[in-house]
Amino acid sequence: MKTIGLTGGIGSGKTTVSKIFEQCGVPVFRCDDVARNIQNTDPRAVQGMKAMFGDDIYTVDGSLDRRRVASVVFADSGILARLNSLIHPLVRDAFAKFADNNAAEPLILMESAILIQSGFYRQADFCVHVAAPLDIRIARVMQRDHATYEQVLARINNQMPDDVIAKYCKYQIINEDLAAVRLQVESIVANEKII
C-alpha cells in the first residue's frame, strides 16, 4: 500500500480532486473533516479545547464555536501552536486506524490543507499538489464563503506559497478544467499502482 498526500492552497480544489481519486477507487482520508469531528466528539479534544478557550467554546448543541476559535488562534500564534499540538496527534491516530482498515488497498490518500506545515507529509509515500490560477482560486472562495476579494486574498497570502509546497510534491495537478484534472488523476493512479 502507498499513501498519497494531497494538498494545495485555499480555493485550489483539493476536495474536488480528492473526490476524483475516490471515483478511481482510492480510499480518501480528509484531515479537515476528521479534525472537526474530533473537536466535537473526542473527550480528550473537548477537554483540551475547554481548557484553552473556556467551557462556553461549545454551543448549546455541543458543537465547537469554530468562528470564535478562528478569531482567537489567527490573532495568537501561541494558541494556534497549542491547538495544533492537541488536535494533530489525534488526527494522526485516526489516520493510522484508517490506513490499517485499508491495508489491502494499493493506494490510499490523505487530503490536508496543511499537509506540509503539520508534518503529515512524512506519512505519505509521495505528495500531490493541487494548484489553480490565483483569479480562479479567489473567485471560488468568494462564492463558497461569501467573502470579499480582500478577505480571500489575505487568507491566501497567509498560507504557504505554491512554489514552496511544490518542492515537497512528486506531482502537480492544475485544476482549471475538470476533464483535464480527471485525466491527471487517472494517470497518477495508474502509474503508482504499477510502480
N, C-alpha and C. Protein backbone atom coordinates (compact mmCIF):
# COMPACT_ATOMS: atom_id res chain seq x y z
N MET A 1 0.84 -1.19 0.00
CA MET A 1 0.00 0.00 0.00
C MET A 1 0.88 1.24 0.00
N LYS A 2 0.48 2.22 -0.82
CA LYS A 2 1.15 3.52 -0.84
C LYS A 2 0.17 4.57 -0.35
N THR A 3 0.71 5.52 0.39
CA THR A 3 -0.09 6.66 0.86
C THR A 3 0.24 7.88 0.03
N ILE A 4 -0.81 8.49 -0.52
CA ILE A 4 -0.69 9.74 -1.27
C ILE A 4 -1.05 10.88 -0.32
N GLY A 5 -0.22 11.89 -0.26
CA GLY A 5 -0.55 13.11 0.45
C GLY A 5 -1.04 14.13 -0.56
N LEU A 6 -2.22 14.69 -0.36
CA LEU A 6 -2.79 15.66 -1.29
C LEU A 6 -2.96 16.99 -0.58
N THR A 7 -2.44 18.05 -1.19
CA THR A 7 -2.54 19.37 -0.57
C THR A 7 -2.62 20.45 -1.63
N GLY A 8 -2.87 21.65 -1.19
CA GLY A 8 -2.95 22.82 -2.06
C GLY A 8 -3.55 23.97 -1.29
N GLY A 9 -3.38 25.15 -1.80
CA GLY A 9 -3.89 26.34 -1.13
C GLY A 9 -5.40 26.44 -1.19
N ILE A 10 -5.92 27.36 -0.44
CA ILE A 10 -7.37 27.59 -0.39
C ILE A 10 -7.88 27.91 -1.80
N GLY A 11 -8.98 27.27 -2.16
CA GLY A 11 -9.58 27.51 -3.47
C GLY A 11 -8.93 26.77 -4.62
N SER A 12 -7.91 25.96 -4.32
CA SER A 12 -7.24 25.23 -5.39
C SER A 12 -8.08 24.07 -5.90
N GLY A 13 -8.98 23.57 -5.05
CA GLY A 13 -9.85 22.47 -5.47
C GLY A 13 -9.42 21.11 -4.95
N LYS A 14 -8.80 21.08 -3.77
CA LYS A 14 -8.36 19.82 -3.17
C LYS A 14 -9.50 18.82 -3.03
N THR A 15 -10.63 19.29 -2.54
CA THR A 15 -11.76 18.38 -2.31
C THR A 15 -12.27 17.81 -3.62
N THR A 16 -12.37 18.63 -4.64
CA THR A 16 -12.78 18.15 -5.96
C THR A 16 -11.83 17.07 -6.45
N VAL A 17 -10.54 17.33 -6.33
CA VAL A 17 -9.54 16.37 -6.78
C VAL A 17 -9.60 15.09 -5.95
N SER A 18 -9.76 15.23 -4.64
CA SER A 18 -9.82 14.02 -3.80
C SER A 18 -11.05 13.17 -4.15
N LYS A 19 -12.14 13.82 -4.55
CA LYS A 19 -13.34 13.06 -4.96
C LYS A 19 -13.08 12.28 -6.25
N ILE A 20 -12.27 12.84 -7.12
CA ILE A 20 -11.92 12.11 -8.36
C ILE A 20 -11.03 10.92 -8.02
N PHE A 21 -10.09 11.09 -7.10
CA PHE A 21 -9.30 9.94 -6.64
C PHE A 21 -10.23 8.86 -6.09
N GLU A 22 -11.23 9.28 -5.30
CA GLU A 22 -12.19 8.34 -4.74
C GLU A 22 -12.94 7.60 -5.84
N GLN A 23 -13.34 8.32 -6.87
CA GLN A 23 -14.04 7.70 -8.00
C GLN A 23 -13.14 6.70 -8.73
N CYS A 24 -11.83 6.88 -8.59
CA CYS A 24 -10.86 5.94 -9.18
C CYS A 24 -10.55 4.77 -8.24
N GLY A 25 -11.29 4.69 -7.14
CA GLY A 25 -11.14 3.56 -6.22
C GLY A 25 -10.14 3.76 -5.10
N VAL A 26 -9.65 4.99 -4.91
CA VAL A 26 -8.68 5.27 -3.85
C VAL A 26 -9.42 5.74 -2.59
N PRO A 27 -9.30 5.02 -1.47
CA PRO A 27 -9.92 5.49 -0.23
C PRO A 27 -9.29 6.82 0.21
N VAL A 28 -10.12 7.75 0.66
CA VAL A 28 -9.67 9.10 0.99
C VAL A 28 -9.93 9.42 2.47
N PHE A 29 -8.90 9.93 3.11
CA PHE A 29 -8.96 10.41 4.50
C PHE A 29 -8.83 11.92 4.44
N ARG A 30 -9.88 12.63 4.84
CA ARG A 30 -9.88 14.10 4.78
C ARG A 30 -9.56 14.65 6.18
N CYS A 31 -8.34 15.12 6.34
CA CYS A 31 -7.87 15.58 7.65
C CYS A 31 -8.76 16.65 8.26
N ASP A 32 -9.19 17.62 7.46
CA ASP A 32 -10.00 18.72 8.00
C ASP A 32 -11.32 18.20 8.56
N ASP A 33 -11.97 17.28 7.83
CA ASP A 33 -13.24 16.72 8.29
C ASP A 33 -13.04 15.91 9.57
N VAL A 34 -11.97 15.12 9.59
CA VAL A 34 -11.68 14.30 10.77
C VAL A 34 -11.37 15.19 11.97
N ALA A 35 -10.58 16.25 11.76
CA ALA A 35 -10.25 17.16 12.85
C ALA A 35 -11.50 17.82 13.41
N ARG A 36 -12.42 18.23 12.54
CA ARG A 36 -13.68 18.83 13.00
C ARG A 36 -14.48 17.85 13.85
N ASN A 37 -14.54 16.61 13.39
CA ASN A 37 -15.27 15.59 14.13
C ASN A 37 -14.61 15.34 15.49
N ILE A 38 -13.30 15.24 15.50
CA ILE A 38 -12.56 15.01 16.75
C ILE A 38 -12.82 16.15 17.73
N GLN A 39 -12.81 17.38 17.25
CA GLN A 39 -13.02 18.53 18.13
C GLN A 39 -14.40 18.51 18.78
N ASN A 40 -15.35 17.85 18.13
CA ASN A 40 -16.71 17.80 18.67
C ASN A 40 -17.01 16.53 19.46
N THR A 41 -16.25 15.45 19.23
CA THR A 41 -16.65 14.17 19.81
C THR A 41 -15.60 13.50 20.69
N ASP A 42 -14.32 13.77 20.48
CA ASP A 42 -13.28 13.09 21.26
C ASP A 42 -13.15 13.77 22.62
N PRO A 43 -13.36 13.04 23.71
CA PRO A 43 -13.30 13.66 25.05
C PRO A 43 -11.96 14.36 25.32
N ARG A 44 -10.87 13.82 24.81
CA ARG A 44 -9.56 14.47 25.03
C ARG A 44 -9.52 15.83 24.34
N ALA A 45 -10.07 15.90 23.13
CA ALA A 45 -10.09 17.16 22.40
C ALA A 45 -11.03 18.16 23.06
N VAL A 46 -12.22 17.69 23.43
CA VAL A 46 -13.20 18.59 24.06
C VAL A 46 -12.64 19.16 25.36
N GLN A 47 -12.04 18.32 26.17
CA GLN A 47 -11.47 18.79 27.43
C GLN A 47 -10.35 19.80 27.17
N GLY A 48 -9.48 19.49 26.20
CA GLY A 48 -8.39 20.40 25.86
C GLY A 48 -8.88 21.73 25.31
N MET A 49 -9.92 21.67 24.46
CA MET A 49 -10.47 22.91 23.89
C MET A 49 -11.07 23.78 24.99
N LYS A 50 -11.79 23.15 25.91
CA LYS A 50 -12.38 23.92 27.01
C LYS A 50 -11.31 24.52 27.90
N ALA A 51 -10.21 23.79 28.11
CA ALA A 51 -9.12 24.31 28.93
C ALA A 51 -8.47 25.53 28.26
N MET A 52 -8.40 25.50 26.93
CA MET A 52 -7.77 26.61 26.19
C MET A 52 -8.69 27.82 26.04
N PHE A 53 -9.98 27.55 25.74
CA PHE A 53 -10.87 28.62 25.32
C PHE A 53 -12.03 28.89 26.29
N GLY A 54 -12.19 28.03 27.29
CA GLY A 54 -13.30 28.18 28.23
C GLY A 54 -14.43 27.22 27.89
N ASP A 55 -15.24 26.88 28.91
CA ASP A 55 -16.33 25.92 28.73
C ASP A 55 -17.35 26.37 27.69
N ASP A 56 -17.50 27.68 27.52
CA ASP A 56 -18.52 28.18 26.60
C ASP A 56 -18.06 28.19 25.14
N ILE A 57 -16.92 27.54 24.84
CA ILE A 57 -16.46 27.46 23.45
C ILE A 57 -17.33 26.49 22.65
N TYR A 58 -18.10 25.67 23.35
CA TYR A 58 -19.05 24.77 22.70
C TYR A 58 -20.45 25.35 22.82
N THR A 59 -21.21 25.28 21.73
CA THR A 59 -22.55 25.84 21.70
C THR A 59 -23.51 24.94 22.46
N VAL A 60 -24.74 25.35 22.57
CA VAL A 60 -25.75 24.61 23.32
C VAL A 60 -25.93 23.19 22.76
N ASP A 61 -25.80 23.04 21.44
CA ASP A 61 -25.97 21.71 20.83
C ASP A 61 -24.71 20.86 20.93
N GLY A 62 -23.65 21.38 21.58
CA GLY A 62 -22.43 20.60 21.80
C GLY A 62 -21.38 20.72 20.71
N SER A 63 -21.62 21.59 19.72
CA SER A 63 -20.63 21.74 18.66
C SER A 63 -19.70 22.92 18.96
N LEU A 64 -18.48 22.80 18.48
CA LEU A 64 -17.46 23.81 18.70
C LEU A 64 -17.82 25.10 17.98
N ASP A 65 -17.63 26.23 18.65
CA ASP A 65 -17.83 27.54 18.03
C ASP A 65 -16.57 27.86 17.23
N ARG A 66 -16.53 27.35 16.01
CA ARG A 66 -15.33 27.43 15.17
C ARG A 66 -14.95 28.87 14.82
N ARG A 67 -15.94 29.72 14.64
CA ARG A 67 -15.63 31.12 14.30
C ARG A 67 -14.89 31.80 15.46
N ARG A 68 -15.34 31.50 16.67
CA ARG A 68 -14.69 32.10 17.83
C ARG A 68 -13.27 31.58 17.98
N VAL A 69 -13.10 30.29 17.78
CA VAL A 69 -11.76 29.70 17.85
C VAL A 69 -10.87 30.35 16.80
N ALA A 70 -11.37 30.47 15.58
CA ALA A 70 -10.58 31.05 14.49
C ALA A 70 -10.17 32.48 14.82
N SER A 71 -11.09 33.25 15.38
CA SER A 71 -10.76 34.65 15.68
C SER A 71 -9.65 34.75 16.72
N VAL A 72 -9.57 33.76 17.62
CA VAL A 72 -8.53 33.77 18.65
C VAL A 72 -7.21 33.26 18.09
N VAL A 73 -7.24 32.09 17.42
CA VAL A 73 -5.97 31.47 17.00
C VAL A 73 -5.26 32.24 15.90
N PHE A 74 -6.00 32.90 15.02
CA PHE A 74 -5.32 33.63 13.97
C PHE A 74 -4.74 34.94 14.47
N ALA A 75 -5.13 35.33 15.67
CA ALA A 75 -4.55 36.53 16.27
C ALA A 75 -3.41 36.18 17.24
N ASP A 76 -3.27 34.88 17.57
CA ASP A 76 -2.29 34.47 18.57
C ASP A 76 -1.64 33.17 18.13
N SER A 77 -0.42 33.26 17.60
CA SER A 77 0.25 32.07 17.08
C SER A 77 0.58 31.07 18.19
N GLY A 78 0.72 31.55 19.42
CA GLY A 78 0.98 30.64 20.55
C GLY A 78 -0.21 29.72 20.80
N ILE A 79 -1.41 30.30 20.74
CA ILE A 79 -2.62 29.48 20.94
C ILE A 79 -2.80 28.52 19.77
N LEU A 80 -2.49 29.00 18.57
CA LEU A 80 -2.59 28.12 17.40
C LEU A 80 -1.66 26.92 17.56
N ALA A 81 -0.44 27.16 18.04
CA ALA A 81 0.51 26.06 18.26
C ALA A 81 -0.02 25.08 19.31
N ARG A 82 -0.62 25.59 20.37
CA ARG A 82 -1.20 24.72 21.41
C ARG A 82 -2.37 23.91 20.85
N LEU A 83 -3.20 24.56 20.04
CA LEU A 83 -4.33 23.87 19.42
C LEU A 83 -3.84 22.75 18.51
N ASN A 84 -2.84 23.06 17.70
CA ASN A 84 -2.28 22.05 16.80
C ASN A 84 -1.67 20.89 17.57
N SER A 85 -1.01 21.18 18.67
CA SER A 85 -0.38 20.10 19.46
C SER A 85 -1.43 19.23 20.13
N LEU A 86 -2.63 19.73 20.30
CA LEU A 86 -3.73 18.94 20.85
C LEU A 86 -4.39 18.10 19.75
N ILE A 87 -4.70 18.71 18.63
CA ILE A 87 -5.51 18.05 17.59
C ILE A 87 -4.68 17.17 16.65
N HIS A 88 -3.50 17.61 16.25
CA HIS A 88 -2.73 16.85 15.25
C HIS A 88 -2.43 15.41 15.67
N PRO A 89 -2.01 15.15 16.92
CA PRO A 89 -1.78 13.74 17.29
C PRO A 89 -3.06 12.89 17.20
N LEU A 90 -4.20 13.48 17.49
CA LEU A 90 -5.46 12.73 17.41
C LEU A 90 -5.81 12.43 15.96
N VAL A 91 -5.53 13.38 15.06
CA VAL A 91 -5.76 13.15 13.64
C VAL A 91 -4.80 12.08 13.13
N ARG A 92 -3.54 12.12 13.58
CA ARG A 92 -2.57 11.09 13.17
C ARG A 92 -3.04 9.70 13.62
N ASP A 93 -3.55 9.61 14.84
CA ASP A 93 -4.07 8.33 15.34
C ASP A 93 -5.23 7.84 14.48
N ALA A 94 -6.12 8.76 14.12
CA ALA A 94 -7.27 8.39 13.28
C ALA A 94 -6.79 7.94 11.91
N PHE A 95 -5.76 8.60 11.38
CA PHE A 95 -5.24 8.19 10.08
C PHE A 95 -4.60 6.80 10.17
N ALA A 96 -3.89 6.52 11.25
CA ALA A 96 -3.27 5.19 11.42
C ALA A 96 -4.34 4.10 11.38
N LYS A 97 -5.47 4.35 12.03
CA LYS A 97 -6.58 3.38 12.00
C LYS A 97 -7.15 3.25 10.59
N PHE A 98 -7.30 4.38 9.91
CA PHE A 98 -7.80 4.38 8.53
C PHE A 98 -6.87 3.56 7.64
N ALA A 99 -5.56 3.76 7.80
CA ALA A 99 -4.58 3.03 7.00
C ALA A 99 -4.66 1.53 7.30
N ASP A 100 -4.78 1.18 8.56
CA ASP A 100 -4.91 -0.24 8.94
C ASP A 100 -6.16 -0.85 8.31
N ASN A 101 -7.27 -0.11 8.34
CA ASN A 101 -8.53 -0.60 7.79
C ASN A 101 -8.50 -0.75 6.27
N ASN A 102 -7.55 -0.06 5.63
CA ASN A 102 -7.45 -0.10 4.16
C ASN A 102 -6.12 -0.70 3.70
N ALA A 103 -5.53 -1.54 4.55
CA ALA A 103 -4.20 -2.09 4.27
C ALA A 103 -4.14 -2.91 2.99
N ALA A 104 -5.27 -3.46 2.57
CA ALA A 104 -5.28 -4.28 1.35
C ALA A 104 -5.34 -3.44 0.07
N GLU A 105 -5.57 -2.14 0.21
CA GLU A 105 -5.68 -1.26 -0.96
C GLU A 105 -4.29 -0.92 -1.50
N PRO A 106 -4.15 -0.82 -2.83
CA PRO A 106 -2.84 -0.44 -3.37
C PRO A 106 -2.48 1.02 -3.07
N LEU A 107 -3.50 1.88 -3.02
CA LEU A 107 -3.29 3.31 -2.76
C LEU A 107 -4.34 3.80 -1.77
N ILE A 108 -3.92 4.68 -0.86
CA ILE A 108 -4.86 5.45 -0.04
C ILE A 108 -4.41 6.91 -0.12
N LEU A 109 -5.31 7.82 0.22
CA LEU A 109 -5.00 9.24 0.09
C LEU A 109 -5.34 9.99 1.36
N MET A 110 -4.44 10.87 1.76
CA MET A 110 -4.67 11.78 2.89
C MET A 110 -4.73 13.20 2.33
N GLU A 111 -5.90 13.82 2.45
CA GLU A 111 -6.06 15.21 2.00
C GLU A 111 -5.91 16.14 3.19
N SER A 112 -5.04 17.14 3.06
CA SER A 112 -4.84 18.10 4.15
C SER A 112 -4.41 19.45 3.58
N ALA A 113 -5.07 20.49 4.04
CA ALA A 113 -4.70 21.84 3.63
C ALA A 113 -3.31 22.21 4.16
N ILE A 114 -2.94 21.62 5.30
CA ILE A 114 -1.65 21.94 5.92
C ILE A 114 -0.76 20.69 5.99
N LEU A 115 -0.79 19.91 4.92
CA LEU A 115 -0.03 18.66 4.84
C LEU A 115 1.45 18.90 5.14
N ILE A 116 2.02 19.94 4.57
CA ILE A 116 3.45 20.22 4.75
C ILE A 116 3.69 20.84 6.13
N GLN A 117 2.93 21.88 6.46
CA GLN A 117 3.12 22.61 7.71
C GLN A 117 2.95 21.71 8.94
N SER A 118 2.02 20.76 8.86
CA SER A 118 1.74 19.89 10.00
C SER A 118 2.72 18.74 10.14
N GLY A 119 3.49 18.51 9.08
CA GLY A 119 4.40 17.37 9.06
C GLY A 119 3.73 16.09 8.61
N PHE A 120 2.43 16.13 8.30
CA PHE A 120 1.71 14.93 7.85
C PHE A 120 2.30 14.37 6.56
N TYR A 121 2.96 15.23 5.77
CA TYR A 121 3.54 14.76 4.51
C TYR A 121 4.53 13.62 4.74
N ARG A 122 5.11 13.56 5.95
CA ARG A 122 6.07 12.50 6.27
C ARG A 122 5.41 11.13 6.33
N GLN A 123 4.09 11.09 6.47
CA GLN A 123 3.37 9.83 6.50
C GLN A 123 2.98 9.35 5.10
N ALA A 124 3.28 10.17 4.10
CA ALA A 124 2.92 9.83 2.72
C ALA A 124 4.14 9.26 2.00
N ASP A 125 3.87 8.37 1.05
CA ASP A 125 4.94 7.87 0.19
C ASP A 125 5.31 8.90 -0.86
N PHE A 126 4.33 9.70 -1.26
CA PHE A 126 4.57 10.81 -2.17
C PHE A 126 3.42 11.79 -2.03
N CYS A 127 3.65 13.02 -2.48
CA CYS A 127 2.64 14.07 -2.34
C CYS A 127 2.22 14.61 -3.70
N VAL A 128 0.98 15.10 -3.73
CA VAL A 128 0.39 15.71 -4.91
C VAL A 128 -0.06 17.11 -4.54
N HIS A 129 0.34 18.07 -5.35
CA HIS A 129 -0.02 19.47 -5.11
C HIS A 129 -1.11 19.88 -6.10
N VAL A 130 -2.22 20.36 -5.57
CA VAL A 130 -3.30 20.88 -6.41
C VAL A 130 -3.11 22.39 -6.53
N ALA A 131 -3.03 22.86 -7.76
CA ALA A 131 -2.81 24.29 -8.00
C ALA A 131 -3.85 24.80 -8.98
N ALA A 132 -4.12 26.08 -8.91
CA ALA A 132 -5.04 26.75 -9.83
C ALA A 132 -4.61 28.21 -9.92
N PRO A 133 -4.92 28.88 -11.02
CA PRO A 133 -4.60 30.30 -11.14
C PRO A 133 -5.25 31.11 -10.01
N LEU A 134 -4.54 32.14 -9.59
CA LEU A 134 -4.98 32.95 -8.45
C LEU A 134 -6.39 33.49 -8.63
N ASP A 135 -6.72 33.99 -9.82
CA ASP A 135 -8.05 34.58 -10.02
C ASP A 135 -9.15 33.53 -9.86
N ILE A 136 -8.89 32.32 -10.30
CA ILE A 136 -9.88 31.24 -10.14
C ILE A 136 -10.03 30.88 -8.68
N ARG A 137 -8.92 30.77 -7.97
CA ARG A 137 -8.97 30.44 -6.53
C ARG A 137 -9.78 31.49 -5.76
N ILE A 138 -9.49 32.76 -6.04
CA ILE A 138 -10.19 33.84 -5.33
C ILE A 138 -11.69 33.78 -5.63
N ALA A 139 -12.05 33.61 -6.90
CA ALA A 139 -13.47 33.55 -7.26
C ALA A 139 -14.17 32.37 -6.59
N ARG A 140 -13.51 31.21 -6.54
CA ARG A 140 -14.11 30.04 -5.89
C ARG A 140 -14.40 30.30 -4.41
N VAL A 141 -13.41 30.85 -3.72
CA VAL A 141 -13.57 31.07 -2.27
C VAL A 141 -14.57 32.18 -2.00
N MET A 142 -14.57 33.23 -2.82
CA MET A 142 -15.56 34.30 -2.64
C MET A 142 -16.96 33.73 -2.74
N GLN A 143 -17.18 32.87 -3.73
CA GLN A 143 -18.51 32.28 -3.92
C GLN A 143 -18.85 31.31 -2.79
N ARG A 144 -17.90 30.45 -2.43
CA ARG A 144 -18.14 29.43 -1.41
C ARG A 144 -18.36 30.02 -0.03
N ASP A 145 -17.51 30.98 0.35
CA ASP A 145 -17.52 31.52 1.72
C ASP A 145 -18.23 32.87 1.84
N HIS A 146 -18.75 33.38 0.73
CA HIS A 146 -19.38 34.70 0.72
C HIS A 146 -18.44 35.74 1.31
N ALA A 147 -17.18 35.67 0.88
CA ALA A 147 -16.14 36.57 1.37
C ALA A 147 -15.80 37.60 0.31
N THR A 148 -15.16 38.68 0.75
CA THR A 148 -14.74 39.71 -0.20
C THR A 148 -13.42 39.30 -0.84
N TYR A 149 -13.11 39.96 -1.94
CA TYR A 149 -11.84 39.73 -2.63
C TYR A 149 -10.67 39.92 -1.66
N GLU A 150 -10.71 41.00 -0.89
CA GLU A 150 -9.63 41.33 0.04
C GLU A 150 -9.50 40.28 1.13
N GLN A 151 -10.62 39.78 1.65
CA GLN A 151 -10.58 38.74 2.69
C GLN A 151 -9.93 37.47 2.16
N VAL A 152 -10.31 37.08 0.96
CA VAL A 152 -9.76 35.85 0.38
C VAL A 152 -8.28 36.02 0.09
N LEU A 153 -7.91 37.15 -0.47
CA LEU A 153 -6.51 37.40 -0.78
C LEU A 153 -5.66 37.38 0.49
N ALA A 154 -6.19 37.94 1.57
CA ALA A 154 -5.46 37.93 2.85
C ALA A 154 -5.25 36.50 3.33
N ARG A 155 -6.26 35.64 3.17
CA ARG A 155 -6.13 34.24 3.58
C ARG A 155 -5.09 33.53 2.72
N ILE A 156 -5.12 33.78 1.43
CA ILE A 156 -4.13 33.16 0.53
C ILE A 156 -2.72 33.62 0.90
N ASN A 157 -2.56 34.91 1.16
CA ASN A 157 -1.24 35.44 1.49
C ASN A 157 -0.73 34.94 2.83
N ASN A 158 -1.63 34.41 3.66
CA ASN A 158 -1.25 33.87 4.97
C ASN A 158 -0.88 32.40 4.89
N GLN A 159 -1.02 31.79 3.71
CA GLN A 159 -0.72 30.37 3.54
C GLN A 159 0.66 30.17 2.91
N MET A 160 1.14 28.93 3.00
CA MET A 160 2.40 28.59 2.37
C MET A 160 2.28 28.79 0.86
N PRO A 161 3.24 29.45 0.23
CA PRO A 161 3.16 29.70 -1.21
C PRO A 161 3.23 28.40 -2.03
N ASP A 162 2.59 28.42 -3.18
CA ASP A 162 2.55 27.25 -4.06
C ASP A 162 3.95 26.76 -4.43
N ASP A 163 4.87 27.68 -4.70
CA ASP A 163 6.21 27.23 -5.11
C ASP A 163 6.93 26.49 -4.00
N VAL A 164 6.64 26.81 -2.75
CA VAL A 164 7.24 26.10 -1.62
C VAL A 164 6.58 24.73 -1.47
N ILE A 165 5.25 24.68 -1.54
CA ILE A 165 4.53 23.41 -1.45
C ILE A 165 5.00 22.45 -2.54
N ALA A 166 5.16 22.97 -3.75
CA ALA A 166 5.53 22.14 -4.91
C ALA A 166 6.85 21.41 -4.69
N LYS A 167 7.74 21.97 -3.90
CA LYS A 167 9.05 21.34 -3.65
C LYS A 167 8.91 20.00 -2.91
N TYR A 168 7.81 19.82 -2.21
CA TYR A 168 7.58 18.60 -1.44
C TYR A 168 6.83 17.54 -2.25
N CYS A 169 6.41 17.89 -3.44
CA CYS A 169 5.46 17.05 -4.18
C CYS A 169 6.05 16.41 -5.42
N LYS A 170 5.66 15.16 -5.63
CA LYS A 170 6.08 14.41 -6.82
C LYS A 170 5.26 14.81 -8.04
N TYR A 171 3.98 15.15 -7.80
CA TYR A 171 3.07 15.50 -8.88
C TYR A 171 2.41 16.84 -8.58
N GLN A 172 2.04 17.54 -9.66
CA GLN A 172 1.21 18.74 -9.52
C GLN A 172 0.03 18.60 -10.47
N ILE A 173 -1.15 18.84 -9.92
CA ILE A 173 -2.38 18.83 -10.72
C ILE A 173 -2.84 20.27 -10.89
N ILE A 174 -2.98 20.69 -12.12
CA ILE A 174 -3.51 22.03 -12.40
C ILE A 174 -5.03 21.91 -12.52
N ASN A 175 -5.73 22.57 -11.64
CA ASN A 175 -7.18 22.44 -11.55
C ASN A 175 -7.87 23.64 -12.18
N GLU A 176 -7.96 23.61 -13.51
CA GLU A 176 -8.70 24.63 -14.25
C GLU A 176 -9.87 24.01 -14.98
N ASP A 177 -9.66 22.81 -15.50
CA ASP A 177 -10.65 22.13 -16.32
C ASP A 177 -10.87 20.72 -15.75
N LEU A 178 -12.12 20.40 -15.42
CA LEU A 178 -12.42 19.15 -14.73
C LEU A 178 -12.02 17.92 -15.53
N ALA A 179 -12.23 17.95 -16.83
CA ALA A 179 -11.86 16.80 -17.66
C ALA A 179 -10.34 16.59 -17.64
N ALA A 180 -9.59 17.67 -17.69
CA ALA A 180 -8.13 17.57 -17.64
C ALA A 180 -7.67 17.07 -16.27
N VAL A 181 -8.33 17.52 -15.22
CA VAL A 181 -8.00 17.07 -13.87
C VAL A 181 -8.22 15.57 -13.76
N ARG A 182 -9.35 15.10 -14.27
CA ARG A 182 -9.66 13.67 -14.22
C ARG A 182 -8.56 12.85 -14.91
N LEU A 183 -8.09 13.32 -16.06
CA LEU A 183 -7.02 12.61 -16.77
C LEU A 183 -5.73 12.60 -15.95
N GLN A 184 -5.43 13.72 -15.30
CA GLN A 184 -4.23 13.79 -14.47
C GLN A 184 -4.32 12.80 -13.30
N VAL A 185 -5.47 12.75 -12.65
CA VAL A 185 -5.67 11.83 -11.52
C VAL A 185 -5.56 10.38 -11.99
N GLU A 186 -6.24 10.07 -13.08
CA GLU A 186 -6.21 8.69 -13.60
C GLU A 186 -4.78 8.27 -13.94
N SER A 187 -4.00 9.18 -14.47
CA SER A 187 -2.60 8.90 -14.80
C SER A 187 -1.79 8.60 -13.55
N ILE A 188 -1.96 9.41 -12.51
CA ILE A 188 -1.25 9.19 -11.25
C ILE A 188 -1.62 7.83 -10.66
N VAL A 189 -2.92 7.54 -10.61
CA VAL A 189 -3.37 6.27 -10.05
C VAL A 189 -2.78 5.10 -10.84
N ALA A 190 -2.84 5.16 -12.15
CA ALA A 190 -2.30 4.08 -12.99
C ALA A 190 -0.81 3.93 -12.79
N ASN A 191 -0.07 5.03 -12.78
CA ASN A 191 1.39 4.97 -12.62
C ASN A 191 1.79 4.42 -11.26
N GLU A 192 1.14 4.88 -10.21
CA GLU A 192 1.56 4.50 -8.86
C GLU A 192 1.11 3.08 -8.48
N LYS A 193 0.05 2.58 -9.10
CA LYS A 193 -0.35 1.20 -8.84
C LYS A 193 0.66 0.24 -9.43
N ILE A 194 1.32 0.65 -10.52
CA ILE A 194 2.30 -0.21 -11.21
C ILE A 194 3.66 -0.14 -10.54
N ILE A 195 4.06 1.06 -10.15
CA ILE A 195 5.42 1.28 -9.60
C ILE A 195 5.60 0.50 -8.31
